[in-house]
Amino acid sequence: MNEELTKLVRRRWRIGAALTAVMMAAYFGFILLVAFDKDDAGTLLADDRVSVGIVLGAGVIVLAPLLTAYYVRWANRNYDRELARAVARPHEPT
Protein backbone atom coordinates (compact mmCIF):
# COMPACT_ATOMS: atom_id res chain seq x y z
CA MET A 1 0.00 0.00 0.00
CA ASN A 2 1.42 3.39 -0.84
CA GLU A 3 2.16 6.02 1.79
CA GLU A 4 -0.79 8.24 0.82
CA LEU A 5 -3.29 5.42 1.31
CA THR A 6 -1.69 4.47 4.61
CA LYS A 7 -2.08 8.04 5.90
CA LEU A 8 -5.69 8.13 4.74
CA VAL A 9 -6.50 4.85 6.50
CA ARG A 10 -4.85 6.12 9.71
CA ARG A 11 -6.87 9.32 9.53
CA ARG A 12 -10.10 7.37 9.09
CA TRP A 13 -9.25 5.17 12.08
CA ARG A 14 -8.44 8.21 14.24
CA ILE A 15 -11.76 9.85 13.42
CA GLY A 16 -13.64 6.61 13.99
CA ALA A 17 -11.88 6.05 17.30
CA ALA A 18 -12.54 9.61 18.47
CA LEU A 19 -16.25 9.39 17.64
CA THR A 20 -16.45 5.99 19.31
CA ALA A 21 -14.77 7.41 22.42
CA VAL A 22 -17.27 10.28 22.56
CA MET A 23 -20.19 7.85 22.30
CA MET A 24 -18.76 5.50 24.91
CA ALA A 25 -18.04 8.36 27.32
CA ALA A 26 -21.61 9.63 26.97
CA TYR A 27 -23.14 6.17 27.34
CA PHE A 28 -21.03 4.99 30.26
CA GLY A 29 -21.25 8.39 31.92
CA PHE A 30 -25.03 8.11 31.78
CA ILE A 31 -24.98 4.53 33.10
CA LEU A 32 -22.65 5.49 35.94
CA LEU A 33 -24.83 8.48 36.84
CA VAL A 34 -27.92 6.31 37.02
CA ALA A 35 -26.10 3.58 38.96
CA PHE A 36 -24.27 5.69 41.52
CA ASP A 37 -26.09 9.01 41.76
CA LYS A 38 -29.76 8.11 41.69
CA ASP A 39 -30.75 11.27 43.57
CA ASP A 40 -29.36 13.60 40.90
CA ALA A 41 -30.61 11.37 38.05
CA GLY A 42 -34.06 11.39 39.64
CA THR A 43 -34.26 15.16 40.06
CA LEU A 44 -37.44 16.35 38.42
CA LEU A 45 -37.55 19.11 35.83
CA ALA A 46 -40.27 20.87 33.83
CA ASP A 47 -42.82 21.25 36.60
CA ASP A 48 -41.99 17.81 38.00
CA ARG A 49 -42.91 16.01 34.78
CA VAL A 50 -39.56 14.62 33.62
CA SER A 51 -36.36 13.59 35.38
CA VAL A 52 -32.77 14.52 34.64
CA GLY A 53 -32.11 10.84 33.89
CA ILE A 54 -34.77 10.77 31.18
CA VAL A 55 -33.41 13.93 29.57
CA LEU A 56 -29.83 12.64 29.63
CA GLY A 57 -30.94 9.22 28.34
CA ALA A 58 -32.71 10.88 25.43
CA GLY A 59 -29.57 12.92 24.82
CA VAL A 60 -27.48 9.75 24.59
CA ILE A 61 -29.98 8.29 22.12
CA VAL A 62 -29.88 11.45 19.99
CA LEU A 63 -26.07 11.62 20.15
CA ALA A 64 -25.60 8.33 18.28
CA PRO A 65 -27.22 9.41 14.98
CA LEU A 66 -25.59 12.85 15.26
CA LEU A 67 -22.13 11.28 15.49
CA THR A 68 -23.01 8.92 12.65
CA ALA A 69 -24.17 11.84 10.51
CA TYR A 70 -20.93 13.68 11.25
CA TYR A 71 -18.87 10.68 10.17
CA VAL A 72 -20.89 10.17 6.99
CA ARG A 73 -20.58 13.85 6.11
CA TRP A 74 -16.81 13.75 6.71
CA ALA A 75 -16.44 10.57 4.68
CA ASN A 76 -18.46 11.93 1.77
CA ARG A 77 -16.65 15.26 1.69
CA ASN A 78 -13.10 14.14 2.43
CA TYR A 79 -12.37 10.44 2.70
CA ASP A 80 -14.13 9.23 -0.46
CA ARG A 81 -12.66 12.02 -2.56
CA GLU A 82 -9.13 11.51 -1.26
CA LEU A 83 -9.40 7.74 -1.62
CA ALA A 84 -10.52 8.02 -5.25
CA ARG A 85 -7.67 10.43 -5.94
CA ALA A 86 -5.10 8.15 -4.30
CA VAL A 87 -6.31 5.04 -6.13
CA ALA A 88 -6.38 6.83 -9.49
CA ARG A 89 -2.72 7.87 -9.21
CA PRO A 90 -0.23 5.55 -10.84
CA HIS A 91 1.62 3.53 -8.27
CA GLU A 92 5.34 3.01 -8.18
CA PRO A 93 6.33 -0.62 -8.60
CA THR A 94 7.53 -2.27 -5.42
PDB file of N, CA and C in Angstrom:
ATOM      1  N   MET A   1       0.861  -1.168   0.000  1.00  0.00           N
ATOM      2  CA  MET A   1       0.000   0.000   0.000  1.00  0.00           C
ATOM      3  C   MET A   1       0.906   1.229   0.000  1.00  0.00           C
ATOM      4  N   ASN A   2       0.555   2.205  -0.796  1.00  0.00           N
ATOM      5  CA  ASN A   2       1.416   3.388  -0.835  1.00  0.00           C
ATOM      6  C   ASN A   2       1.220   4.273   0.396  1.00  0.00           C
ATOM      7  N   GLU A   3       2.139   5.184   0.581  1.00  0.00           N
ATOM      8  CA  GLU A   3       2.155   6.024   1.788  1.00  0.00           C
ATOM      9  C   GLU A   3       0.897   6.887   1.911  1.00  0.00           C
ATOM     10  N   GLU A   4       0.406   7.399   0.804  1.00  0.00           N
ATOM     11  CA  GLU A   4      -0.791   8.244   0.824  1.00  0.00           C
ATOM     12  C   GLU A   4      -2.014   7.468   1.321  1.00  0.00           C
ATOM     13  N   LEU A   5      -2.174   6.245   0.848  1.00  0.00           N
ATOM     14  CA  LEU A   5      -3.293   5.421   1.312  1.00  0.00           C
ATOM     15  C   LEU A   5      -3.149   5.056   2.785  1.00  0.00           C
ATOM     16  N   THR A   6      -1.933   4.796   3.202  1.00  0.00           N
ATOM     17  CA  THR A   6      -1.690   4.473   4.606  1.00  0.00           C
ATOM     18  C   THR A   6      -2.084   5.645   5.504  1.00  0.00           C
ATOM     19  N   LYS A   7      -1.703   6.852   5.125  1.00  0.00           N
ATOM     20  CA  LYS A   7      -2.079   8.041   5.904  1.00  0.00           C
ATOM     21  C   LYS A   7      -3.589   8.224   5.944  1.00  0.00           C
ATOM     22  N   LEU A   8      -4.234   7.975   4.819  1.00  0.00           N
ATOM     23  CA  LEU A   8      -5.688   8.125   4.739  1.00  0.00           C
ATOM     24  C   LEU A   8      -6.394   7.117   5.648  1.00  0.00           C
ATOM     25  N   VAL A   9      -5.910   5.890   5.634  1.00  0.00           N
ATOM     26  CA  VAL A   9      -6.497   4.854   6.497  1.00  0.00           C
ATOM     27  C   VAL A   9      -6.294   5.210   7.965  1.00  0.00           C
ATOM     28  N   ARG A  10      -5.102   5.701   8.313  1.00  0.00           N
ATOM     29  CA  ARG A  10      -4.852   6.117   9.706  1.00  0.00           C
ATOM     30  C   ARG A  10      -5.788   7.248  10.123  1.00  0.00           C
ATOM     31  N   ARG A  11      -5.987   8.186   9.229  1.00  0.00           N
ATOM     32  CA  ARG A  11      -6.874   9.319   9.534  1.00  0.00           C
ATOM     33  C   ARG A  11      -8.302   8.833   9.771  1.00  0.00           C
ATOM     34  N   ARG A  12      -8.750   7.905   8.922  1.00  0.00           N
ATOM     35  CA  ARG A  12     -10.099   7.367   9.092  1.00  0.00           C
ATOM     36  C   ARG A  12     -10.227   6.656  10.432  1.00  0.00           C
ATOM     37  N   TRP A  13      -9.216   5.868  10.807  1.00  0.00           N
ATOM     38  CA  TRP A  13      -9.248   5.168  12.081  1.00  0.00           C
ATOM     39  C   TRP A  13      -9.242   6.141  13.265  1.00  0.00           C
ATOM     40  N   ARG A  14      -8.462   7.215  13.150  1.00  0.00           N
ATOM     41  CA  ARG A  14      -8.439   8.213  14.237  1.00  0.00           C
ATOM     42  C   ARG A  14      -9.805   8.853  14.416  1.00  0.00           C
ATOM     43  N   ILE A  15     -10.439   9.222  13.331  1.00  0.00           N
ATOM     44  CA  ILE A  15     -11.759   9.854  13.420  1.00  0.00           C
ATOM     45  C   ILE A  15     -12.778   8.864  13.969  1.00  0.00           C
ATOM     46  N   GLY A  16     -12.734   7.641  13.476  1.00  0.00           N
ATOM     47  CA  GLY A  16     -13.642   6.614  13.989  1.00  0.00           C
ATOM     48  C   GLY A  16     -13.433   6.345  15.470  1.00  0.00           C
ATOM     49  N   ALA A  17     -12.180   6.287  15.883  1.00  0.00           N
ATOM     50  CA  ALA A  17     -11.879   6.049  17.298  1.00  0.00           C
ATOM     51  C   ALA A  17     -12.326   7.220  18.168  1.00  0.00           C
ATOM     52  N   ALA A  18     -12.124   8.432  17.691  1.00  0.00           N
ATOM     53  CA  ALA A  18     -12.543   9.606  18.467  1.00  0.00           C
ATOM     54  C   ALA A  18     -14.064   9.647  18.633  1.00  0.00           C
ATOM     55  N   LEU A  19     -14.786   9.387  17.553  1.00  0.00           N
ATOM     56  CA  LEU A  19     -16.246   9.394  17.641  1.00  0.00           C
ATOM     57  C   LEU A  19     -16.750   8.253  18.524  1.00  0.00           C
ATOM     58  N   THR A  20     -16.088   7.107  18.447  1.00  0.00           N
ATOM     59  CA  THR A  20     -16.451   5.986  19.312  1.00  0.00           C
ATOM     60  C   THR A  20     -16.197   6.344  20.778  1.00  0.00           C
ATOM     61  N   ALA A  21     -15.080   7.003  21.050  1.00  0.00           N
ATOM     62  CA  ALA A  21     -14.766   7.409  22.423  1.00  0.00           C
ATOM     63  C   ALA A  21     -15.803   8.390  22.965  1.00  0.00           C
ATOM     64  N   VAL A  22     -16.237   9.321  22.127  1.00  0.00           N
ATOM     65  CA  VAL A  22     -17.273  10.276  22.557  1.00  0.00           C
ATOM     66  C   VAL A  22     -18.556   9.536  22.909  1.00  0.00           C
ATOM     67  N   MET A  23     -18.955   8.592  22.049  1.00  0.00           N
ATOM     68  CA  MET A  23     -20.193   7.852  22.303  1.00  0.00           C
ATOM     69  C   MET A  23     -20.079   6.995  23.555  1.00  0.00           C
ATOM     70  N   MET A  24     -18.948   6.349  23.716  1.00  0.00           N
ATOM     71  CA  MET A  24     -18.759   5.503  24.906  1.00  0.00           C
ATOM     72  C   MET A  24     -18.731   6.336  26.188  1.00  0.00           C
ATOM     73  N   ALA A  25     -18.079   7.491  26.144  1.00  0.00           N
ATOM     74  CA  ALA A  25     -18.042   8.359  27.323  1.00  0.00           C
ATOM     75  C   ALA A  25     -19.450   8.813  27.694  1.00  0.00           C
ATOM     76  N   ALA A  26     -20.240   9.198  26.699  1.00  0.00           N
ATOM     77  CA  ALA A  26     -21.610   9.635  26.974  1.00  0.00           C
ATOM     78  C   ALA A  26     -22.442   8.484  27.538  1.00  0.00           C
ATOM     79  N   TYR A  27     -22.342   7.314  26.913  1.00  0.00           N
ATOM     80  CA  TYR A  27     -23.142   6.172  27.343  1.00  0.00           C
ATOM     81  C   TYR A  27     -22.752   5.718  28.747  1.00  0.00           C
ATOM     82  N   PHE A  28     -21.448   5.479  28.952  1.00  0.00           N
ATOM     83  CA  PHE A  28     -21.031   4.988  30.259  1.00  0.00           C
ATOM     84  C   PHE A  28     -21.159   6.062  31.337  1.00  0.00           C
ATOM     85  N   GLY A  29     -20.996   7.317  30.963  1.00  0.00           N
ATOM     86  CA  GLY A  29     -21.254   8.390  31.921  1.00  0.00           C
ATOM     87  C   GLY A  29     -22.699   8.385  32.383  1.00  0.00           C
ATOM     88  N   PHE A  30     -23.603   8.188  31.444  1.00  0.00           N
ATOM     89  CA  PHE A  30     -25.028   8.109  31.779  1.00  0.00           C
ATOM     90  C   PHE A  30     -25.307   6.902  32.675  1.00  0.00           C
ATOM     91  N   ILE A  31     -24.766   5.750  32.309  1.00  0.00           N
ATOM     92  CA  ILE A  31     -24.982   4.534  33.099  1.00  0.00           C
ATOM     93  C   ILE A  31     -24.430   4.703  34.511  1.00  0.00           C
ATOM     94  N   LEU A  32     -23.230   5.281  34.622  1.00  0.00           N
ATOM     95  CA  LEU A  32     -22.645   5.489  35.943  1.00  0.00           C
ATOM     96  C   LEU A  32     -23.450   6.481  36.772  1.00  0.00           C
ATOM     97  N   LEU A  33     -23.978   7.518  36.127  1.00  0.00           N
ATOM     98  CA  LEU A  33     -24.829   8.476  36.843  1.00  0.00           C
ATOM     99  C   LEU A  33     -26.064   7.781  37.397  1.00  0.00           C
ATOM    100  N   VAL A  34     -26.709   6.997  36.583  1.00  0.00           N
ATOM    101  CA  VAL A  34     -27.923   6.308  37.016  1.00  0.00           C
ATOM    102  C   VAL A  34     -27.604   5.280  38.106  1.00  0.00           C
ATOM    103  N   ALA A  35     -26.459   4.617  37.996  1.00  0.00           N
ATOM    104  CA  ALA A  35     -26.104   3.578  38.960  1.00  0.00           C
ATOM    105  C   ALA A  35     -25.656   4.144  40.304  1.00  0.00           C
ATOM    106  N   PHE A  36     -24.901   5.233  40.284  1.00  0.00           N
ATOM    107  CA  PHE A  36     -24.275   5.689  41.519  1.00  0.00           C
ATOM    108  C   PHE A  36     -24.782   7.027  42.053  1.00  0.00           C
ATOM    109  N   ASP A  37     -25.580   7.725  41.295  1.00  0.00           N
ATOM    110  CA  ASP A  37     -26.094   9.014  41.760  1.00  0.00           C
ATOM    111  C   ASP A  37     -27.580   9.125  41.430  1.00  0.00           C
ATOM    112  N   LYS A  38     -28.330   8.194  41.983  1.00  0.00           N
ATOM    113  CA  LYS A  38     -29.760   8.114  41.691  1.00  0.00           C
ATOM    114  C   LYS A  38     -30.522   9.393  42.081  1.00  0.00           C
ATOM    115  N   ASP A  39     -30.050  10.051  43.132  1.00  0.00           N
ATOM    116  CA  ASP A  39     -30.746  11.270  43.571  1.00  0.00           C
ATOM    117  C   ASP A  39     -30.677  12.356  42.500  1.00  0.00           C
ATOM    118  N   ASP A  40     -29.479  12.577  41.943  1.00  0.00           N
ATOM    119  CA  ASP A  40     -29.359  13.597  40.897  1.00  0.00           C
ATOM    120  C   ASP A  40     -30.072  13.155  39.619  1.00  0.00           C
ATOM    121  N   ALA A  41     -29.956  11.877  39.265  1.00  0.00           N
ATOM    122  CA  ALA A  41     -30.613  11.375  38.055  1.00  0.00           C
ATOM    123  C   ALA A  41     -32.129  11.457  38.189  1.00  0.00           C
ATOM    124  N   GLY A  42     -32.616  11.352  39.416  1.00  0.00           N
ATOM    125  CA  GLY A  42     -34.060  11.390  39.641  1.00  0.00           C
ATOM    126  C   GLY A  42     -34.624  12.779  39.877  1.00  0.00           C
ATOM    127  N   THR A  43     -33.781  13.794  39.862  1.00  0.00           N
ATOM    128  CA  THR A  43     -34.256  15.159  40.065  1.00  0.00           C
ATOM    129  C   THR A  43     -35.249  15.523  38.965  1.00  0.00           C
ATOM    130  N   LEU A  44     -36.387  16.036  39.384  1.00  0.00           N
ATOM    131  CA  LEU A  44     -37.443  16.346  38.420  1.00  0.00           C
ATOM    132  C   LEU A  44     -37.285  17.741  37.841  1.00  0.00           C
ATOM    133  N   LEU A  45     -37.612  17.851  36.574  1.00  0.00           N
ATOM    134  CA  LEU A  45     -37.552  19.111  35.833  1.00  0.00           C
ATOM    135  C   LEU A  45     -38.918  19.384  35.209  1.00  0.00           C
ATOM    136  N   ALA A  46     -39.059  20.513  34.595  1.00  0.00           N
ATOM    137  CA  ALA A  46     -40.269  20.868  33.827  1.00  0.00           C
ATOM    138  C   ALA A  46     -41.536  20.638  34.639  1.00  0.00           C
ATOM    139  N   ASP A  47     -41.647  21.364  35.723  1.00  0.00           N
ATOM    140  CA  ASP A  47     -42.822  21.251  36.603  1.00  0.00           C
ATOM    141  C   ASP A  47     -43.043  19.826  37.096  1.00  0.00           C
ATOM    142  N   ASP A  48     -41.954  19.178  37.455  1.00  0.00           N
ATOM    143  CA  ASP A  48     -41.989  17.807  37.997  1.00  0.00           C
ATOM    144  C   ASP A  48     -42.596  16.782  37.038  1.00  0.00           C
ATOM    145  N   ARG A  49     -42.354  16.955  35.745  1.00  0.00           N
ATOM    146  CA  ARG A  49     -42.911  16.012  34.775  1.00  0.00           C
ATOM    147  C   ARG A  49     -41.877  15.077  34.172  1.00  0.00           C
ATOM    148  N   VAL A  50     -40.604  15.443  34.238  1.00  0.00           N
ATOM    149  CA  VAL A  50     -39.563  14.618  33.624  1.00  0.00           C
ATOM    150  C   VAL A  50     -38.295  14.708  34.472  1.00  0.00           C
ATOM    151  N   SER A  51     -37.565  13.599  34.549  1.00  0.00           N
ATOM    152  CA  SER A  51     -36.360  13.591  35.383  1.00  0.00           C
ATOM    153  C   SER A  51     -35.116  13.905  34.562  1.00  0.00           C
ATOM    154  N   VAL A  52     -34.058  14.261  35.273  1.00  0.00           N
ATOM    155  CA  VAL A  52     -32.768  14.517  34.643  1.00  0.00           C
ATOM    156  C   VAL A  52     -32.299  13.264  33.907  1.00  0.00           C
ATOM    157  N   GLY A  53     -32.511  12.104  34.508  1.00  0.00           N
ATOM    158  CA  GLY A  53     -32.106  10.844  33.887  1.00  0.00           C
ATOM    159  C   GLY A  53     -32.775  10.608  32.540  1.00  0.00           C
ATOM    160  N   ILE A  54     -34.038  10.931  32.447  1.00  0.00           N
ATOM    161  CA  ILE A  54     -34.770  10.767  31.176  1.00  0.00           C
ATOM    162  C   ILE A  54     -34.213  11.721  30.122  1.00  0.00           C
ATOM    163  N   VAL A  55     -33.956  12.943  30.507  1.00  0.00           N
ATOM    164  CA  VAL A  55     -33.413  13.931  29.566  1.00  0.00           C
ATOM    165  C   VAL A  55     -32.019  13.500  29.090  1.00  0.00           C
ATOM    166  N   LEU A  56     -31.168  13.083  30.013  1.00  0.00           N
ATOM    167  CA  LEU A  56     -29.830  12.635  29.629  1.00  0.00           C
ATOM    168  C   LEU A  56     -29.882  11.358  28.795  1.00  0.00           C
ATOM    169  N   GLY A  57     -30.777  10.444  29.130  1.00  0.00           N
ATOM    170  CA  GLY A  57     -30.939   9.223  28.340  1.00  0.00           C
ATOM    171  C   GLY A  57     -31.372   9.532  26.917  1.00  0.00           C
ATOM    172  N   ALA A  58     -32.298  10.462  26.771  1.00  0.00           N
ATOM    173  CA  ALA A  58     -32.713  10.879  25.428  1.00  0.00           C
ATOM    174  C   ALA A  58     -31.549  11.545  24.697  1.00  0.00           C
ATOM    175  N   GLY A  59     -30.746  12.291  25.440  1.00  0.00           N
ATOM    176  CA  GLY A  59     -29.572  12.923  24.824  1.00  0.00           C
ATOM    177  C   GLY A  59     -28.577  11.896  24.302  1.00  0.00           C
ATOM    178  N   VAL A  60     -28.373  10.819  25.047  1.00  0.00           N
ATOM    179  CA  VAL A  60     -27.482   9.747  24.595  1.00  0.00           C
ATOM    180  C   VAL A  60     -28.040   9.102  23.326  1.00  0.00           C
ATOM    181  N   ILE A  61     -29.344   8.888  23.290  1.00  0.00           N
ATOM    182  CA  ILE A  61     -29.978   8.290  22.115  1.00  0.00           C
ATOM    183  C   ILE A  61     -29.836   9.206  20.904  1.00  0.00           C
ATOM    184  N   VAL A  62     -29.994  10.493  21.093  1.00  0.00           N
ATOM    185  CA  VAL A  62     -29.880  11.448  19.988  1.00  0.00           C
ATOM    186  C   VAL A  62     -28.419  11.599  19.545  1.00  0.00           C
ATOM    187  N   LEU A  63     -27.492  11.461  20.471  1.00  0.00           N
ATOM    188  CA  LEU A  63     -26.073  11.619  20.147  1.00  0.00           C
ATOM    189  C   LEU A  63     -25.594  10.597  19.113  1.00  0.00           C
ATOM    190  N   ALA A  64     -26.070   9.377  19.190  1.00  0.00           N
ATOM    191  CA  ALA A  64     -25.602   8.328  18.276  1.00  0.00           C
ATOM    192  C   ALA A  64     -25.846   8.686  16.806  1.00  0.00           C
ATOM    193  N   PRO A  65     -27.053   9.041  16.389  1.00  0.00           N
ATOM    194  CA  PRO A  65     -27.224   9.413  14.978  1.00  0.00           C
ATOM    195  C   PRO A  65     -26.519  10.708  14.607  1.00  0.00           C
ATOM    196  N   LEU A  66     -26.330  11.626  15.567  1.00  0.00           N
ATOM    197  CA  LEU A  66     -25.590  12.849  15.264  1.00  0.00           C
ATOM    198  C   LEU A  66     -24.124  12.539  14.954  1.00  0.00           C
ATOM    199  N   LEU A  67     -23.521  11.669  15.747  1.00  0.00           N
ATOM    200  CA  LEU A  67     -22.134  11.281  15.489  1.00  0.00           C
ATOM    201  C   LEU A  67     -22.021  10.509  14.178  1.00  0.00           C
ATOM    202  N   THR A  68     -23.000   9.664  13.915  1.00  0.00           N
ATOM    203  CA  THR A  68     -23.013   8.925  12.650  1.00  0.00           C
ATOM    204  C   THR A  68     -23.130   9.881  11.474  1.00  0.00           C
ATOM    205  N   ALA A  69     -24.003  10.857  11.585  1.00  0.00           N
ATOM    206  CA  ALA A  69     -24.170  11.844  10.510  1.00  0.00           C
ATOM    207  C   ALA A  69     -22.882  12.632  10.300  1.00  0.00           C
ATOM    208  N   TYR A  70     -22.203  12.972  11.374  1.00  0.00           N
ATOM    209  CA  TYR A  70     -20.926  13.684  11.252  1.00  0.00           C
ATOM    210  C   TYR A  70     -19.915  12.835  10.484  1.00  0.00           C
ATOM    211  N   TYR A  71     -19.817  11.552  10.847  1.00  0.00           N
ATOM    212  CA  TYR A  71     -18.869  10.677  10.170  1.00  0.00           C
ATOM    213  C   TYR A  71     -19.208  10.528   8.691  1.00  0.00           C
ATOM    214  N   VAL A  72     -20.473  10.329   8.388  1.00  0.00           N
ATOM    215  CA  VAL A  72     -20.895  10.173   6.986  1.00  0.00           C
ATOM    216  C   VAL A  72     -20.593  11.446   6.200  1.00  0.00           C
ATOM    217  N   ARG A  73     -20.861  12.584   6.789  1.00  0.00           N
ATOM    218  CA  ARG A  73     -20.575  13.851   6.106  1.00  0.00           C
ATOM    219  C   ARG A  73     -19.074  14.000   5.856  1.00  0.00           C
ATOM    220  N   TRP A  74     -18.260  13.687   6.879  1.00  0.00           N
ATOM    221  CA  TRP A  74     -16.814  13.753   6.708  1.00  0.00           C
ATOM    222  C   TRP A  74     -16.345  12.794   5.623  1.00  0.00           C
ATOM    223  N   ALA A  75     -16.865  11.570   5.656  1.00  0.00           N
ATOM    224  CA  ALA A  75     -16.444  10.568   4.678  1.00  0.00           C
ATOM    225  C   ALA A  75     -16.831  10.987   3.261  1.00  0.00           C
ATOM    226  N   ASN A  76     -18.021  11.506   3.097  1.00  0.00           N
ATOM    227  CA  ASN A  76     -18.465  11.926   1.769  1.00  0.00           C
ATOM    228  C   ASN A  76     -17.677  13.121   1.248  1.00  0.00           C
ATOM    229  N   ARG A  77     -17.347  14.037   2.127  1.00  0.00           N
ATOM    230  CA  ARG A  77     -16.647  15.262   1.687  1.00  0.00           C
ATOM    231  C   ARG A  77     -15.142  15.086   1.562  1.00  0.00           C
ATOM    232  N   ASN A  78     -14.550  14.236   2.374  1.00  0.00           N
ATOM    233  CA  ASN A  78     -13.099  14.141   2.426  1.00  0.00           C
ATOM    234  C   ASN A  78     -12.582  12.754   2.055  1.00  0.00           C
ATOM    235  N   TYR A  79     -12.955  11.769   2.843  1.00  0.00           N
ATOM    236  CA  TYR A  79     -12.366  10.440   2.695  1.00  0.00           C
ATOM    237  C   TYR A  79     -12.595   9.849   1.305  1.00  0.00           C
ATOM    238  N   ASP A  80     -13.839   9.826   0.841  1.00  0.00           N
ATOM    239  CA  ASP A  80     -14.131   9.225  -0.458  1.00  0.00           C
ATOM    240  C   ASP A  80     -13.388   9.931  -1.583  1.00  0.00           C
ATOM    241  N   ARG A  81     -13.354  11.246  -1.530  1.00  0.00           N
ATOM    242  CA  ARG A  81     -12.664  12.022  -2.561  1.00  0.00           C
ATOM    243  C   ARG A  81     -11.159  11.747  -2.559  1.00  0.00           C
ATOM    244  N   GLU A  82     -10.563  11.764  -1.365  1.00  0.00           N
ATOM    245  CA  GLU A  82      -9.126  11.513  -1.259  1.00  0.00           C
ATOM    246  C   GLU A  82      -8.779  10.070  -1.627  1.00  0.00           C
ATOM    247  N   LEU A  83      -9.640   9.135  -1.274  1.00  0.00           N
ATOM    248  CA  LEU A  83      -9.404   7.740  -1.622  1.00  0.00           C
ATOM    249  C   LEU A  83      -9.434   7.541  -3.133  1.00  0.00           C
ATOM    250  N   ALA A  84     -10.429   8.123  -3.787  1.00  0.00           N
ATOM    251  CA  ALA A  84     -10.523   8.015  -5.247  1.00  0.00           C
ATOM    252  C   ALA A  84      -9.295   8.632  -5.910  1.00  0.00           C
ATOM    253  N   ARG A  85      -8.847   9.756  -5.397  1.00  0.00           N
ATOM    254  CA  ARG A  85      -7.670  10.428  -5.941  1.00  0.00           C
ATOM    255  C   ARG A  85      -6.412   9.567  -5.751  1.00  0.00           C
ATOM    256  N   ALA A  86      -6.283   8.961  -4.587  1.00  0.00           N
ATOM    257  CA  ALA A  86      -5.103   8.149  -4.298  1.00  0.00           C
ATOM    258  C   ALA A  86      -5.086   6.871  -5.136  1.00  0.00           C
ATOM    259  N   VAL A  87      -6.246   6.270  -5.342  1.00  0.00           N
ATOM    260  CA  VAL A  87      -6.315   5.039  -6.126  1.00  0.00           C
ATOM    261  C   VAL A  87      -6.075   5.321  -7.601  1.00  0.00           C
ATOM    262  N   ALA A  88      -6.512   6.474  -8.073  1.00  0.00           N
ATOM    263  CA  ALA A  88      -6.378   6.826  -9.487  1.00  0.00           C
ATOM    264  C   ALA A  88      -4.939   7.135  -9.881  1.00  0.00           C
ATOM    265  N   ARG A  89      -4.114   7.548  -8.912  1.00  0.00           N
ATOM    266  CA  ARG A  89      -2.724   7.874  -9.213  1.00  0.00           C
ATOM    267  C   ARG A  89      -1.955   6.618  -9.577  1.00  0.00           C
ATOM    268  N   PRO A  90      -1.069   6.715 -10.529  1.00  0.00           N
ATOM    269  CA  PRO A  90      -0.233   5.553 -10.844  1.00  0.00           C
ATOM    270  C   PRO A  90       0.691   5.219  -9.674  1.00  0.00           C
ATOM    271  N   HIS A  91       0.808   3.968  -9.390  1.00  0.00           N
ATOM    272  CA  HIS A  91       1.620   3.532  -8.266  1.00  0.00           C
ATOM    273  C   HIS A  91       3.009   3.150  -8.732  1.00  0.00           C
ATOM    274  N   GLU A  92       3.963   3.412  -7.875  1.00  0.00           N
ATOM    275  CA  GLU A  92       5.337   3.012  -8.179  1.00  0.00           C
ATOM    276  C   GLU A  92       5.467   1.511  -7.940  1.00  0.00           C
ATOM    277  N   PRO A  93       6.161   0.821  -8.819  1.00  0.00           N
ATOM    278  CA  PRO A  93       6.334  -0.623  -8.597  1.00  0.00           C
ATOM    279  C   PRO A  93       7.157  -0.879  -7.346  1.00  0.00           C
ATOM    280  N   THR A  94       6.812  -1.942  -6.649  1.00  0.00           N
ATOM    281  CA  THR A  94       7.531  -2.265  -5.422  1.00  0.00           C
ATOM    282  C   THR A  94       8.540  -3.358  -5.641  1.00  0.00           C
TER     283      THR A  94
END
